[in-house]
Amino acid sequence: MSNSEVVWNIVKNSSSFLYKNNGITLTNEPYNVLNVNSRKFSGLCNKKALDVSVVDGNVVMNKKRTKSARFPSKLKAAMILKKEKSACAVRKELAGSYYRVDLANYAVARYNKLNKSLKASKVVKKAPGAGDAMQISKTD
């Protein structure tokens, strides 16, 4: 067994990040794109993992650095996604560096959902008295 398999066998049923929702076991662990409790998406047992989240009103993609696993302060590499073409940037970052290409579609889907939730809904303000006044008619 490799190191990641041992870690997964320990963590899969007894992690502090686990919770159940409608009969599905989910996790809140860092670097888990879908928050699903499976070995493929686990950020704890995979050397290469990524996370797409919101920080200070911006969508940020975090990647684990594989060579700095012993130094937690240097473990993550963050990339702020601001532009409308950031979905393409996520694909390019993952596919171009061969970094977990299997998670590219999931990361783009999560980016789109987070970006859509950040966009403020436009509030239409009516001018005072426009359309609000009652019409009174007198009939004799």
N, C-alpha and C. Protein backbone atom coordinates (compact mmCIF):
# COMPACT_ATOMS: atom_id res chain seq x y z
N MET A 1 0.83 -1.18 0.00
CA MET A 1 0.00 0.00 0.00
C MET A 1 0.87 1.24 0.00
N SER A 2 0.41 2.22 -0.75
CA SER A 2 1.15 3.48 -0.76
C SER A 2 0.68 4.36 0.40
N ASN A 3 1.38 5.43 0.60
CA ASN A 3 1.09 6.33 1.71
C ASN A 3 -0.32 6.91 1.62
N SER A 4 -0.76 7.28 0.43
CA SER A 4 -2.09 7.88 0.29
C SER A 4 -3.20 6.87 0.57
N GLU A 5 -2.97 5.61 0.25
CA GLU A 5 -3.97 4.59 0.56
C GLU A 5 -4.11 4.36 2.06
N VAL A 6 -3.01 4.39 2.75
CA VAL A 6 -3.04 4.23 4.21
C VAL A 6 -3.78 5.40 4.85
N VAL A 7 -3.47 6.60 4.41
CA VAL A 7 -4.14 7.78 4.95
C VAL A 7 -5.63 7.73 4.65
N TRP A 8 -6.02 7.31 3.46
CA TRP A 8 -7.43 7.23 3.11
C TRP A 8 -8.16 6.20 3.98
N ASN A 9 -7.54 5.05 4.22
CA ASN A 9 -8.17 4.03 5.05
C ASN A 9 -8.37 4.51 6.49
N ILE A 10 -7.51 5.37 6.97
CA ILE A 10 -7.66 5.93 8.31
C ILE A 10 -8.73 7.02 8.34
N VAL A 11 -8.74 7.87 7.33
CA VAL A 11 -9.57 9.07 7.33
C VAL A 11 -10.99 8.84 6.85
N LYS A 12 -11.25 7.83 6.05
CA LYS A 12 -12.52 7.73 5.35
C LYS A 12 -13.74 7.62 6.25
N ASN A 13 -13.63 7.02 7.42
CA ASN A 13 -14.78 6.89 8.31
C ASN A 13 -14.66 7.67 9.61
N SER A 14 -13.49 8.23 9.87
CA SER A 14 -13.28 8.87 11.17
C SER A 14 -12.55 10.20 11.06
N SER A 15 -13.07 11.08 10.25
CA SER A 15 -12.46 12.39 10.10
C SER A 15 -13.33 13.43 10.80
N SER A 16 -12.71 14.47 11.31
CA SER A 16 -13.48 15.53 11.97
C SER A 16 -14.23 16.40 10.96
N PHE A 17 -13.92 16.24 9.68
CA PHE A 17 -14.57 17.03 8.63
C PHE A 17 -15.85 16.39 8.11
N LEU A 18 -16.16 15.17 8.51
CA LEU A 18 -17.31 14.44 7.97
C LEU A 18 -18.63 14.96 8.52
N TYR A 19 -19.64 14.99 7.64
CA TYR A 19 -21.02 15.23 8.06
C TYR A 19 -21.95 14.59 7.04
N LYS A 20 -23.16 14.30 7.46
CA LYS A 20 -24.13 13.65 6.58
C LYS A 20 -25.26 14.61 6.27
N ASN A 21 -25.67 14.58 5.00
CA ASN A 21 -26.75 15.43 4.55
C ASN A 21 -27.63 14.60 3.62
N ASN A 22 -28.86 14.34 4.03
CA ASN A 22 -29.81 13.54 3.24
C ASN A 22 -29.25 12.16 2.89
N GLY A 23 -28.55 11.55 3.81
CA GLY A 23 -28.02 10.21 3.59
C GLY A 23 -26.71 10.16 2.82
N ILE A 24 -26.17 11.28 2.41
CA ILE A 24 -24.90 11.33 1.67
C ILE A 24 -23.82 11.83 2.63
N THR A 25 -22.68 11.16 2.63
CA THR A 25 -21.57 11.58 3.48
C THR A 25 -20.75 12.62 2.74
N LEU A 26 -20.64 13.80 3.32
CA LEU A 26 -19.90 14.91 2.74
C LEU A 26 -18.78 15.31 3.70
N THR A 27 -17.85 16.12 3.20
CA THR A 27 -16.75 16.60 4.03
C THR A 27 -16.56 18.10 3.86
N ASN A 28 -15.96 18.70 4.87
CA ASN A 28 -15.58 20.11 4.82
C ASN A 28 -14.07 20.26 4.75
N GLU A 29 -13.38 19.22 4.36
CA GLU A 29 -11.92 19.26 4.39
C GLU A 29 -11.38 20.21 3.32
N PRO A 30 -10.23 20.80 3.59
CA PRO A 30 -9.62 21.68 2.59
C PRO A 30 -9.16 20.89 1.37
N TYR A 31 -9.13 21.57 0.24
CA TYR A 31 -8.69 21.00 -1.04
C TYR A 31 -9.60 19.87 -1.51
N ASN A 32 -10.88 19.95 -1.24
CA ASN A 32 -11.85 19.00 -1.74
C ASN A 32 -12.82 19.77 -2.63
N VAL A 33 -12.77 19.54 -3.94
CA VAL A 33 -13.52 20.35 -4.89
C VAL A 33 -15.03 20.16 -4.74
N LEU A 34 -15.49 18.93 -4.59
CA LEU A 34 -16.93 18.66 -4.53
C LEU A 34 -17.47 18.45 -3.12
N ASN A 35 -16.61 18.42 -2.12
CA ASN A 35 -17.00 18.14 -0.74
C ASN A 35 -17.63 16.77 -0.60
N VAL A 36 -17.26 15.84 -1.45
CA VAL A 36 -17.75 14.46 -1.38
C VAL A 36 -16.69 13.61 -0.70
N ASN A 37 -17.13 12.70 0.17
CA ASN A 37 -16.19 11.85 0.88
C ASN A 37 -15.79 10.66 0.01
N SER A 38 -14.80 10.88 -0.85
CA SER A 38 -14.26 9.81 -1.68
C SER A 38 -12.76 10.03 -1.83
N ARG A 39 -12.06 8.98 -2.16
CA ARG A 39 -10.61 9.05 -2.25
C ARG A 39 -10.16 9.98 -3.38
N LYS A 40 -10.91 9.99 -4.46
CA LYS A 40 -10.55 10.82 -5.61
C LYS A 40 -10.54 12.30 -5.26
N PHE A 41 -11.51 12.76 -4.47
CA PHE A 41 -11.64 14.18 -4.18
C PHE A 41 -11.01 14.59 -2.85
N SER A 42 -10.52 13.66 -2.08
CA SER A 42 -9.99 13.97 -0.76
C SER A 42 -8.73 14.82 -0.85
N GLY A 43 -8.71 15.90 -0.09
CA GLY A 43 -7.54 16.76 -0.05
C GLY A 43 -6.53 16.32 0.99
N LEU A 44 -6.94 15.44 1.88
CA LEU A 44 -6.04 14.98 2.92
C LEU A 44 -5.12 13.87 2.45
N CYS A 45 -5.62 12.99 1.60
CA CYS A 45 -4.81 11.82 1.23
C CYS A 45 -4.13 11.95 -0.12
N ASN A 46 -4.48 12.95 -0.92
CA ASN A 46 -3.83 13.13 -2.23
C ASN A 46 -2.71 14.15 -2.13
N LYS A 47 -1.60 13.85 -2.79
CA LYS A 47 -0.49 14.82 -2.80
C LYS A 47 -0.85 16.04 -3.62
N LYS A 48 -1.55 15.81 -4.74
CA LYS A 48 -1.99 16.91 -5.59
C LYS A 48 -3.49 17.09 -5.39
N ALA A 49 -3.87 18.24 -4.91
CA ALA A 49 -5.28 18.53 -4.69
C ALA A 49 -5.52 20.02 -4.92
N LEU A 50 -6.77 20.37 -5.23
CA LEU A 50 -7.08 21.77 -5.45
C LEU A 50 -8.42 22.12 -4.83
N ASP A 51 -8.60 23.41 -4.63
CA ASP A 51 -9.81 23.91 -4.00
C ASP A 51 -10.18 25.22 -4.67
N VAL A 52 -11.47 25.41 -4.92
CA VAL A 52 -11.98 26.67 -5.46
C VAL A 52 -12.93 27.23 -4.42
N SER A 53 -12.63 28.42 -3.91
CA SER A 53 -13.44 28.99 -2.84
C SER A 53 -13.49 30.51 -2.98
N VAL A 54 -14.30 31.14 -2.13
CA VAL A 54 -14.45 32.59 -2.12
C VAL A 54 -13.67 33.16 -0.94
N VAL A 55 -12.80 34.13 -1.23
CA VAL A 55 -12.03 34.81 -0.20
C VAL A 55 -12.12 36.31 -0.47
N ASP A 56 -12.66 37.05 0.47
CA ASP A 56 -12.79 38.51 0.37
C ASP A 56 -13.49 38.97 -0.91
N GLY A 57 -14.52 38.28 -1.31
CA GLY A 57 -15.29 38.68 -2.49
C GLY A 57 -14.69 38.27 -3.82
N ASN A 58 -13.61 37.52 -3.81
CA ASN A 58 -12.99 37.03 -5.03
C ASN A 58 -12.99 35.52 -5.02
N VAL A 59 -13.09 34.93 -6.21
CA VAL A 59 -12.99 33.48 -6.33
C VAL A 59 -11.51 33.14 -6.44
N VAL A 60 -11.06 32.21 -5.59
CA VAL A 60 -9.64 31.86 -5.52
C VAL A 60 -9.48 30.36 -5.74
N MET A 61 -8.51 29.98 -6.57
CA MET A 61 -8.18 28.58 -6.76
C MET A 61 -6.87 28.30 -6.01
N ASN A 62 -6.92 27.37 -5.06
CA ASN A 62 -5.74 26.97 -4.29
C ASN A 62 -5.28 25.60 -4.75
N LYS A 63 -3.99 25.46 -4.94
CA LYS A 63 -3.39 24.16 -5.28
C LYS A 63 -2.40 23.79 -4.20
N LYS A 64 -2.30 22.48 -3.95
CA LYS A 64 -1.28 22.00 -3.02
C LYS A 64 0.05 21.91 -3.77
N ARG A 65 1.08 22.38 -3.13
CA ARG A 65 2.42 22.21 -3.70
C ARG A 65 2.96 20.88 -3.22
N THR A 66 3.43 20.07 -4.13
CA THR A 66 3.84 18.72 -3.76
C THR A 66 5.21 18.70 -3.09
N LYS A 67 6.07 19.63 -3.43
CA LYS A 67 7.43 19.59 -2.89
C LYS A 67 7.55 20.22 -1.51
N SER A 68 6.53 20.95 -1.07
CA SER A 68 6.62 21.60 0.23
C SER A 68 5.62 21.00 1.21
N ALA A 69 5.45 19.70 1.19
CA ALA A 69 4.49 19.03 2.06
C ALA A 69 4.92 19.11 3.53
N ARG A 70 6.21 19.22 3.78
CA ARG A 70 6.70 19.29 5.16
C ARG A 70 6.56 20.67 5.76
N PHE A 71 6.27 21.68 4.94
CA PHE A 71 6.18 23.06 5.41
C PHE A 71 4.76 23.57 5.18
N PRO A 72 3.89 23.49 6.18
CA PRO A 72 2.48 23.87 5.98
C PRO A 72 2.29 25.33 5.56
N SER A 73 3.16 26.22 5.94
CA SER A 73 3.00 27.61 5.55
C SER A 73 3.25 27.82 4.05
N LYS A 74 4.02 26.92 3.44
CA LYS A 74 4.32 27.02 2.01
C LYS A 74 3.54 26.01 1.18
N LEU A 75 2.54 25.39 1.78
CA LEU A 75 1.83 24.29 1.13
C LEU A 75 0.95 24.72 -0.02
N LYS A 76 0.31 25.89 0.06
CA LYS A 76 -0.65 26.25 -0.98
C LYS A 76 -0.13 27.31 -1.92
N ALA A 77 -0.61 27.20 -3.16
CA ALA A 77 -0.35 28.20 -4.18
C ALA A 77 -1.71 28.75 -4.61
N ALA A 78 -1.95 30.03 -4.37
CA ALA A 78 -3.25 30.62 -4.63
C ALA A 78 -3.24 31.39 -5.95
N MET A 79 -4.38 31.34 -6.64
CA MET A 79 -4.54 32.06 -7.90
C MET A 79 -5.91 32.74 -7.86
N ILE A 80 -5.94 34.07 -7.89
CA ILE A 80 -7.20 34.81 -7.84
C ILE A 80 -7.81 34.83 -9.23
N LEU A 81 -9.07 34.47 -9.32
CA LEU A 81 -9.79 34.41 -10.59
C LEU A 81 -10.76 35.58 -10.65
N LYS A 82 -10.45 36.60 -11.44
CA LYS A 82 -11.27 37.80 -11.48
C LYS A 82 -12.02 37.99 -12.80
N LYS A 83 -11.44 37.58 -13.90
CA LYS A 83 -12.00 37.90 -15.20
C LYS A 83 -13.13 36.95 -15.58
N GLU A 84 -13.84 37.33 -16.62
CA GLU A 84 -14.92 36.47 -17.13
C GLU A 84 -14.35 35.22 -17.79
N LYS A 85 -13.13 35.26 -18.27
CA LYS A 85 -12.52 34.12 -18.93
C LYS A 85 -11.74 33.24 -17.96
N SER A 86 -12.05 33.33 -16.70
CA SER A 86 -11.31 32.59 -15.69
C SER A 86 -11.57 31.10 -15.75
N ALA A 87 -12.71 30.68 -16.30
CA ALA A 87 -12.97 29.25 -16.46
C ALA A 87 -11.93 28.64 -17.40
N CYS A 88 -11.58 29.38 -18.44
CA CYS A 88 -10.53 28.92 -19.35
C CYS A 88 -9.17 28.93 -18.64
N ALA A 89 -8.98 29.90 -17.75
CA ALA A 89 -7.72 29.96 -17.02
C ALA A 89 -7.57 28.78 -16.08
N VAL A 90 -8.68 28.32 -15.49
CA VAL A 90 -8.63 27.16 -14.60
C VAL A 90 -8.24 25.93 -15.40
N ARG A 91 -8.88 25.74 -16.56
CA ARG A 91 -8.54 24.59 -17.42
C ARG A 91 -7.08 24.64 -17.87
N LYS A 92 -6.63 25.82 -18.26
CA LYS A 92 -5.26 25.98 -18.75
C LYS A 92 -4.25 25.70 -17.64
N GLU A 93 -4.55 26.16 -16.43
CA GLU A 93 -3.64 25.96 -15.30
C GLU A 93 -3.52 24.48 -14.96
N LEU A 94 -4.63 23.76 -15.00
CA LEU A 94 -4.60 22.35 -14.63
C LEU A 94 -4.08 21.46 -15.75
N ALA A 95 -4.53 21.71 -16.97
CA ALA A 95 -4.13 20.86 -18.09
C ALA A 95 -2.72 21.19 -18.56
N GLY A 96 -2.34 22.46 -18.50
CA GLY A 96 -1.03 22.86 -18.98
C GLY A 96 0.10 22.32 -18.14
N SER A 97 -0.15 22.18 -16.84
CA SER A 97 0.91 21.69 -15.96
C SER A 97 0.69 20.23 -15.56
N TYR A 98 -0.27 19.57 -16.18
CA TYR A 98 -0.61 18.17 -15.88
C TYR A 98 -0.89 17.98 -14.40
N TYR A 99 -1.60 18.92 -13.82
CA TYR A 99 -1.90 18.89 -12.39
C TYR A 99 -3.36 18.50 -12.21
N ARG A 100 -3.63 17.25 -11.94
CA ARG A 100 -4.98 16.74 -11.70
C ARG A 100 -5.96 17.17 -12.79
N VAL A 101 -5.69 16.75 -14.00
CA VAL A 101 -6.54 17.07 -15.14
C VAL A 101 -7.94 16.49 -14.96
N ASP A 102 -8.05 15.40 -14.20
CA ASP A 102 -9.35 14.77 -13.98
C ASP A 102 -10.29 15.65 -13.16
N LEU A 103 -9.77 16.64 -12.44
CA LEU A 103 -10.60 17.53 -11.64
C LEU A 103 -10.92 18.85 -12.33
N ALA A 104 -10.48 19.02 -13.57
CA ALA A 104 -10.66 20.29 -14.27
C ALA A 104 -12.13 20.63 -14.46
N ASN A 105 -12.93 19.68 -14.91
CA ASN A 105 -14.36 19.96 -15.13
C ASN A 105 -15.08 20.30 -13.83
N TYR A 106 -14.73 19.61 -12.75
CA TYR A 106 -15.34 19.89 -11.45
C TYR A 106 -14.94 21.27 -10.94
N ALA A 107 -13.69 21.64 -11.16
CA ALA A 107 -13.21 22.96 -10.71
C ALA A 107 -13.88 24.08 -11.50
N VAL A 108 -14.07 23.88 -12.79
CA VAL A 108 -14.73 24.89 -13.62
C VAL A 108 -16.20 25.03 -13.21
N ALA A 109 -16.87 23.91 -12.93
CA ALA A 109 -18.26 23.96 -12.50
C ALA A 109 -18.40 24.69 -11.17
N ARG A 110 -17.48 24.42 -10.26
CA ARG A 110 -17.54 25.11 -8.96
C ARG A 110 -17.24 26.59 -9.12
N TYR A 111 -16.28 26.94 -9.99
CA TYR A 111 -15.98 28.34 -10.25
C TYR A 111 -17.21 29.06 -10.79
N ASN A 112 -17.91 28.43 -11.74
CA ASN A 112 -19.09 29.07 -12.33
C ASN A 112 -20.17 29.30 -11.28
N LYS A 113 -20.38 28.34 -10.39
CA LYS A 113 -21.39 28.50 -9.35
C LYS A 113 -21.00 29.60 -8.37
N LEU A 114 -19.75 29.64 -7.96
CA LEU A 114 -19.31 30.66 -7.02
C LEU A 114 -19.33 32.05 -7.65
N ASN A 115 -18.93 32.14 -8.90
CA ASN A 115 -18.92 33.42 -9.60
C ASN A 115 -20.35 33.94 -9.77
N LYS A 116 -21.28 33.04 -10.08
CA LYS A 116 -22.67 33.43 -10.24
C LYS A 116 -23.26 33.90 -8.92
N SER A 117 -22.87 33.28 -7.82
CA SER A 117 -23.39 33.68 -6.52
C SER A 117 -22.84 35.03 -6.06
N LEU A 118 -21.67 35.41 -6.57
CA LEU A 118 -21.08 36.69 -6.17
C LEU A 118 -21.65 37.88 -6.93
N LYS A 119 -22.19 37.63 -8.09
CA LYS A 119 -22.74 38.74 -8.87
C LYS A 119 -23.97 39.29 -8.16
N ALA A 120 -23.96 40.57 -7.95
CA ALA A 120 -25.06 41.21 -7.23
C ALA A 120 -26.26 41.34 -8.15
N SER A 121 -27.41 41.10 -7.60
CA SER A 121 -28.62 41.28 -8.39
C SER A 121 -28.91 42.77 -8.50
N LYS A 122 -29.35 43.16 -9.67
CA LYS A 122 -29.61 44.57 -9.91
C LYS A 122 -30.98 44.93 -9.33
N VAL A 123 -31.00 46.02 -8.58
CA VAL A 123 -32.23 46.49 -7.96
C VAL A 123 -32.75 47.66 -8.79
N VAL A 124 -34.00 47.56 -9.23
CA VAL A 124 -34.60 48.62 -10.03
C VAL A 124 -35.34 49.56 -9.08
N LYS A 125 -34.94 50.82 -9.10
CA LYS A 125 -35.58 51.81 -8.25
C LYS A 125 -36.56 52.63 -9.09
N LYS A 126 -37.75 52.79 -8.56
CA LYS A 126 -38.74 53.60 -9.24
C LYS A 126 -38.65 55.04 -8.73
N ALA A 127 -38.93 55.96 -9.62
CA ALA A 127 -38.97 57.36 -9.23
C ALA A 127 -40.18 57.56 -8.32
N PRO A 128 -40.07 58.42 -7.34
CA PRO A 128 -41.21 58.63 -6.43
C PRO A 128 -42.41 59.18 -7.19
N GLY A 129 -43.54 58.57 -6.96
CA GLY A 129 -44.79 59.01 -7.58
C GLY A 129 -45.05 58.41 -8.95
N ALA A 130 -44.13 57.70 -9.49
CA ALA A 130 -44.31 57.12 -10.82
C ALA A 130 -45.00 55.78 -10.70
N GLY A 131 -46.24 55.74 -11.06
CA GLY A 131 -46.98 54.49 -11.06
C GLY A 131 -47.53 54.10 -9.71
N ASP A 132 -47.22 54.86 -8.68
CA ASP A 132 -47.69 54.51 -7.35
C ASP A 132 -48.97 55.27 -6.96
N ALA A 133 -49.26 56.34 -7.67
CA ALA A 133 -50.41 57.16 -7.31
C ALA A 133 -51.72 56.47 -7.71
N MET A 134 -52.71 56.62 -6.86
CA MET A 134 -54.02 56.04 -7.16
C MET A 134 -54.81 57.01 -8.03
N GLN A 135 -55.54 56.49 -8.94
CA GLN A 135 -56.38 57.33 -9.79
C GLN A 135 -57.79 57.34 -9.19
N ILE A 136 -58.29 58.51 -8.93
CA ILE A 136 -59.62 58.67 -8.38
C ILE A 136 -60.48 59.33 -9.44
N SER A 137 -61.56 58.70 -9.74
CA SER A 137 -62.47 59.29 -10.72
C SER A 137 -63.83 59.51 -10.08
N LYS A 138 -64.44 60.64 -10.40
CA LYS A 138 -65.73 60.98 -9.85
C LYS A 138 -66.79 60.72 -10.91
N THR A 139 -67.79 60.01 -10.52
CA THR A 139 -68.91 59.80 -11.42
C THR A 139 -70.18 60.31 -10.76
N ASP A 140 -70.97 61.08 -11.45
CA ASP A 140 -72.22 61.60 -10.90
C ASP A 140 -73.39 60.97 -11.55
